[in-house]
Protein backbone atom coordinates (compact mmCIF):
# COMPACT_ATOMS: atom_id res chain seq x y z
CA MET A 1 0.08 -0.11 0.18
CA ASN A 2 1.22 3.55 -0.80
CA ARG A 3 1.77 5.81 2.16
CA PRO A 4 -0.52 8.64 2.20
CA SER A 5 0.80 12.25 1.30
CA ILE A 6 -2.55 14.07 1.94
CA VAL A 7 -4.39 14.44 5.48
CA GLU A 8 -7.81 15.59 5.24
CA TRP A 9 -8.93 17.32 8.39
CA ALA A 10 -12.82 17.72 8.71
CA PRO A 11 -13.91 19.03 12.20
CA PHE A 12 -17.68 19.28 13.14
CA GLN A 13 -20.12 19.29 15.81
CA LEU A 14 -23.01 16.92 15.90
CA ARG A 15 -26.25 18.95 14.86
CA GLY A 16 -28.63 19.43 17.77
CA GLY A 17 -31.03 16.33 18.03
CA ALA A 18 -29.03 14.07 16.16
CA SER A 19 -27.75 11.08 17.83
CA GLU A 20 -24.43 9.36 18.03
CA ALA A 21 -26.07 5.99 16.75
CA GLU A 22 -27.17 7.98 13.80
CA LEU A 23 -23.85 9.51 13.20
CA PHE A 24 -22.13 6.09 13.46
CA GLU A 25 -24.56 4.35 10.94
CA ALA A 26 -24.07 7.17 8.41
CA SER A 27 -20.45 6.86 9.19
CA GLY A 28 -20.42 3.61 8.24
CA GLN A 29 -22.36 3.95 5.27
CA ILE A 30 -19.92 6.66 3.92
CA GLN A 31 -17.16 4.59 4.39
CA GLU A 32 -18.61 1.29 2.67
CA GLN A 33 -20.51 2.88 -0.03
CA PHE A 34 -18.57 5.92 -0.94
CA LEU A 35 -14.80 6.21 0.56
CA SER A 36 -13.69 2.87 0.09
CA ARG A 37 -14.49 3.20 -3.69
CA GLN A 38 -12.63 6.28 -4.23
CA HIS A 39 -9.29 6.22 -6.09
CA GLY A 40 -6.42 7.25 -3.77
CA PHE A 41 -8.28 6.59 -0.60
CA VAL A 42 -5.99 4.98 2.06
CA ARG A 43 -7.95 4.96 5.46
CA ARG A 44 -10.09 7.21 7.62
CA ASP A 45 -10.37 7.90 11.53
CA LEU A 46 -13.38 9.35 13.16
CA LEU A 47 -12.55 11.09 16.47
CA ARG A 48 -14.49 12.67 19.32
CA TRP A 49 -12.99 15.45 21.40
CA LYS A 50 -15.66 16.63 23.92
CA ASN A 51 -19.30 16.07 23.83
CA ASP A 52 -20.43 16.68 20.34
CA CYS A 53 -17.22 17.84 18.82
CA TRP A 54 -15.81 15.50 16.19
CA VAL A 55 -13.14 15.19 13.75
CA ASP A 56 -13.27 13.17 10.29
CA ILE A 57 -9.47 12.58 9.24
CA VAL A 58 -9.13 10.98 5.65
CA TYR A 59 -5.76 9.93 4.49
CA TRP A 60 -5.09 9.98 0.68
CA ILE A 61 -2.48 9.15 -1.66
CA ASP A 62 -2.47 12.51 -3.41
CA ARG A 63 -3.98 15.82 -3.52
CA GLU A 64 -5.64 15.07 -6.97
CA SER A 65 -7.33 12.08 -5.13
CA ALA A 66 -8.64 14.02 -2.34
CA ASP A 67 -10.15 16.75 -4.67
CA ALA A 68 -11.62 14.42 -6.79
CA ALA A 69 -13.47 12.57 -3.97
CA MET A 70 -14.66 15.97 -2.49
CA LYS A 71 -15.87 17.03 -5.67
CA ALA A 72 -17.81 13.48 -6.05
CA ALA A 73 -19.11 13.84 -2.48
CA ALA A 74 -21.28 16.98 -3.46
CA GLU A 75 -23.29 14.65 -5.90
CA SER A 76 -23.37 11.52 -3.45
CA THR A 77 -26.69 10.90 -1.69
CA VAL A 78 -24.92 8.81 1.24
CA CYS A 79 -22.40 11.86 1.58
CA GLN A 80 -25.33 14.22 1.95
CA ARG A 81 -26.98 12.01 4.46
CA TYR A 82 -23.83 12.13 6.63
CA PHE A 83 -23.38 15.88 6.32
CA GLN A 84 -26.87 16.67 7.37
CA LEU A 85 -26.10 15.17 10.85
CA MET A 86 -23.25 18.11 11.12
CA ALA A 87 -24.17 21.54 12.66
CA ASN A 88 -23.48 24.41 10.22
CA GLY A 89 -20.20 26.01 10.25
CA ASP A 90 -21.51 29.26 11.75
CA GLN A 91 -22.65 27.39 14.93
CA THR A 92 -19.08 26.49 16.19
CA SER A 93 -15.79 28.05 16.29
CA LEU A 94 -14.50 24.66 15.81
CA ASP A 95 -15.30 24.18 12.10
CA PRO A 96 -12.83 25.85 9.94
CA GLY A 97 -14.16 23.93 7.01
CA VAL A 98 -12.40 20.87 5.47
CA LEU A 99 -8.49 21.42 5.27
CA LEU A 100 -5.95 19.29 3.36
CA PHE A 101 -2.46 18.97 4.90
CA GLU A 102 0.58 17.77 2.92
CA ARG A 103 2.58 15.12 4.60
CA MET A 104 6.15 16.68 5.11
CA ALA A 105 7.76 14.14 7.34
CA SER A 106 6.58 10.89 9.16
CA TYR A 107 8.29 9.32 12.32
CA PRO A 108 7.69 5.97 13.82
């Protein structure tokens, strides 16, 4: 497997009224039905910080793969269901939007 060179950082808060069970179900669906089928996808981590503060971290082989997947996500109904569980960015200072980081060094 190729080592990822791009890390996608997507912080969000769970929308009011949405449950963790709904989030985990939608997260599994986006993983199985969308991300795992995208060219250049390596792996993904879903992290919780406090209460309803979350970060989706997705690892990609290259920026082109990440960009293509982000465009495809806009047309995906499974992605839209997942995104609907997230609060709008203006409701939280946690959400700077999706950021793509380039791997510059990696240490064991």
